[in-house]
Amino acid sequence: MIPPPAATIISTPTALASLLASIPPFSTLYIDLEGTKLGSPTGALSLITIHLLPSNTTHLIDVLTLGVSAFTTSPTSDPSKTLASMLTDPIYPKCLWDVRADASALWSLYRICLQGIMDIQILENASRQGGSRKFLRGLDRAINPL
């Protein structure tokens, strides 16, 4: 069994700018947001996990430390390339499991409207073999259906 790739923690604007500069166009981003009460008016976003393909690298963006600069920092080589611009650009496919709370949190906290999204939970439901498709499954149930 191949071990999962190690994750890089991104907690400085310099590290974030370097990461953004390294992401080529058309890369697929697998994203998960963590925080408290995501999607509610009193919620807070603390961490964004991004797994990139084809580079097969995982990055943990520390939003608690970076604050709004997590979304506004750009590399000097491309000042228009920020995390916010990538999240709103459909050229970068973004895959999330049950995007509803994550999208709501990004909009309510940072006015970021996700585009180019594939909700993997919906794909699992549509491709489910056998059993009812009436209800969505949580990630744990989808991975371990027994």
Protein backbone atom coordinates (compact mmCIF):
# COMPACT_ATOMS: atom_id res chain seq x y z
CA MET A 1 0.00 0.00 0.00
CA ILE A 2 1.31 3.43 -0.96
CA PRO A 3 1.39 5.87 1.97
CA PRO A 4 -0.46 9.15 1.52
CA PRO A 5 1.71 12.13 0.64
CA ALA A 6 2.91 14.29 3.50
CA ALA A 7 1.06 17.57 3.94
CA THR A 8 2.78 20.93 3.84
CA ILE A 9 1.53 23.51 6.35
CA ILE A 10 1.13 26.95 4.84
CA SER A 11 1.08 29.62 7.56
CA THR A 12 2.97 32.57 6.05
CA PRO A 13 2.19 34.79 3.06
CA THR A 14 5.57 33.85 1.56
CA ALA A 15 4.79 30.11 1.71
CA LEU A 16 1.33 30.73 0.29
CA ALA A 17 2.70 32.84 -2.58
CA SER A 18 5.18 30.04 -3.36
CA LEU A 19 2.40 27.44 -3.36
CA LEU A 20 0.18 29.52 -5.64
CA ALA A 21 3.06 30.11 -8.08
CA SER A 22 3.62 26.34 -8.31
CA ILE A 23 0.03 25.48 -9.34
CA PRO A 24 -0.27 25.19 -13.12
CA PRO A 25 -3.53 26.03 -14.92
CA PHE A 26 -6.03 23.18 -15.18
CA SER A 27 -4.78 21.53 -11.98
CA THR A 28 -7.56 19.78 -10.09
CA LEU A 29 -8.00 20.90 -6.49
CA TYR A 30 -9.54 18.56 -3.92
CA ILE A 31 -10.62 20.87 -1.11
CA ASP A 32 -11.94 20.58 2.43
CA LEU A 33 -12.65 23.43 4.83
CA GLU A 34 -12.55 23.12 8.60
CA GLY A 35 -13.81 25.51 11.20
CA THR A 36 -16.61 26.13 13.65
CA LYS A 37 -20.23 26.51 12.59
CA LEU A 38 -19.28 26.71 8.91
CA GLY A 39 -22.07 28.26 6.91
CA SER A 40 -23.64 30.10 9.83
CA PRO A 41 -23.33 33.85 10.45
CA THR A 42 -21.29 33.19 13.59
CA GLY A 43 -19.02 30.63 11.93
CA ALA A 44 -15.24 30.79 11.57
CA LEU A 45 -12.91 29.20 9.05
CA SER A 46 -9.66 27.87 10.47
CA LEU A 47 -8.08 25.49 7.93
CA ILE A 48 -8.26 24.73 4.23
CA THR A 49 -6.89 21.42 3.00
CA ILE A 50 -6.01 21.31 -0.69
CA HIS A 51 -4.81 18.19 -2.49
CA LEU A 52 -3.47 19.01 -5.95
CA LEU A 53 -3.43 16.83 -9.04
CA PRO A 54 -1.45 16.07 -11.07
CA SER A 55 1.34 16.98 -8.59
CA ASN A 56 -0.22 14.72 -5.89
CA THR A 57 0.68 17.18 -3.13
CA THR A 58 -1.35 18.12 -0.07
CA HIS A 59 -1.29 21.53 1.59
CA LEU A 60 -2.88 22.77 4.82
CA ILE A 61 -3.58 26.51 4.68
CA ASP A 62 -3.75 27.98 8.18
CA VAL A 63 -6.52 30.56 7.83
CA LEU A 64 -6.44 31.33 11.56
CA THR A 65 -2.86 32.57 11.24
CA LEU A 66 -3.12 34.12 7.76
CA GLY A 67 -6.53 35.74 8.16
CA VAL A 68 -7.82 37.46 5.03
CA SER A 69 -4.33 37.28 3.48
CA ALA A 70 -5.04 33.56 2.93
CA PHE A 71 -7.26 34.74 0.09
CA THR A 72 -5.49 37.92 -1.08
CA THR A 73 -1.80 36.89 -1.16
CA SER A 74 -0.36 36.45 -4.64
CA PRO A 75 3.01 35.46 -6.08
CA THR A 76 5.10 38.30 -7.53
CA SER A 77 5.20 36.40 -10.83
CA ASP A 78 1.40 36.64 -11.17
CA PRO A 79 -0.24 39.31 -8.99
CA SER A 80 -3.73 38.30 -10.18
CA LYS A 81 -3.36 34.72 -8.88
CA THR A 82 -4.74 34.47 -5.35
CA LEU A 83 -6.53 31.67 -3.57
CA ALA A 84 -9.74 33.68 -3.95
CA SER A 85 -9.23 34.05 -7.71
CA MET A 86 -8.55 30.32 -8.08
CA LEU A 87 -11.66 29.41 -6.07
CA THR A 88 -13.81 31.62 -8.31
CA ASP A 89 -12.16 30.60 -11.60
CA PRO A 90 -13.87 27.68 -13.38
CA ILE A 91 -10.64 26.82 -15.22
CA TYR A 92 -9.47 25.08 -12.02
CA PRO A 93 -11.73 22.08 -11.31
CA LYS A 94 -12.48 21.93 -7.60
CA CYS A 95 -13.78 18.77 -5.94
CA LEU A 96 -15.45 18.89 -2.53
CA TRP A 97 -17.52 16.46 -0.49
CA ASP A 98 -20.86 18.12 0.30
CA VAL A 99 -19.95 21.64 -0.77
CA ARG A 100 -22.96 23.35 0.85
CA ALA A 101 -21.49 24.49 4.21
CA ASP A 102 -18.07 25.21 2.68
CA ALA A 103 -19.55 27.39 -0.07
CA SER A 104 -21.75 29.18 2.43
CA ALA A 105 -18.79 29.87 4.74
CA LEU A 106 -16.61 31.22 1.93
CA TRP A 107 -19.41 33.50 0.78
CA SER A 108 -20.53 34.76 4.19
CA LEU A 109 -17.03 35.28 5.59
CA TYR A 110 -15.01 36.36 2.52
CA ARG A 111 -17.52 37.04 -0.31
CA ILE A 112 -15.99 34.23 -2.38
CA CYS A 113 -18.44 32.54 -4.75
CA LEU A 114 -17.09 29.12 -5.72
CA GLN A 115 -17.10 28.19 -9.40
CA GLY A 116 -15.98 25.08 -11.26
CA ILE A 117 -17.20 22.78 -8.48
CA MET A 118 -17.76 19.04 -8.55
CA ASP A 119 -19.61 17.82 -5.47
CA ILE A 120 -18.24 14.31 -4.94
CA GLN A 121 -21.12 13.43 -2.62
CA ILE A 122 -23.60 13.99 -5.47
CA LEU A 123 -21.40 11.97 -7.83
CA GLU A 124 -21.35 9.10 -5.31
CA ASN A 125 -25.13 9.18 -5.13
CA ALA A 126 -25.54 9.20 -8.90
CA SER A 127 -23.09 6.34 -9.43
CA ARG A 128 -24.23 4.21 -6.47
CA GLN A 129 -24.69 0.56 -7.43
CA GLY A 130 -27.63 -1.04 -5.64
CA GLY A 131 -29.45 0.41 -2.71
CA SER A 132 -31.55 3.51 -2.55
CA ARG A 133 -30.44 6.86 -3.93
CA LYS A 134 -33.11 8.64 -1.91
CA PHE A 135 -30.61 9.91 0.71
CA LEU A 136 -27.10 11.28 0.52
CA ARG A 137 -24.40 9.39 2.41
CA GLY A 138 -21.82 10.91 4.68
CA LEU A 139 -18.20 10.43 3.67
CA ASP A 140 -17.59 7.74 6.29
CA ARG A 141 -20.57 5.68 5.07
CA ALA A 142 -19.61 6.11 1.41
CA ILE A 143 -16.08 4.85 2.06
CA ASN A 144 -17.13 2.07 4.45
CA PRO A 145 -20.66 1.09 3.37
CA LEU A 146 -20.94 -1.85 5.81
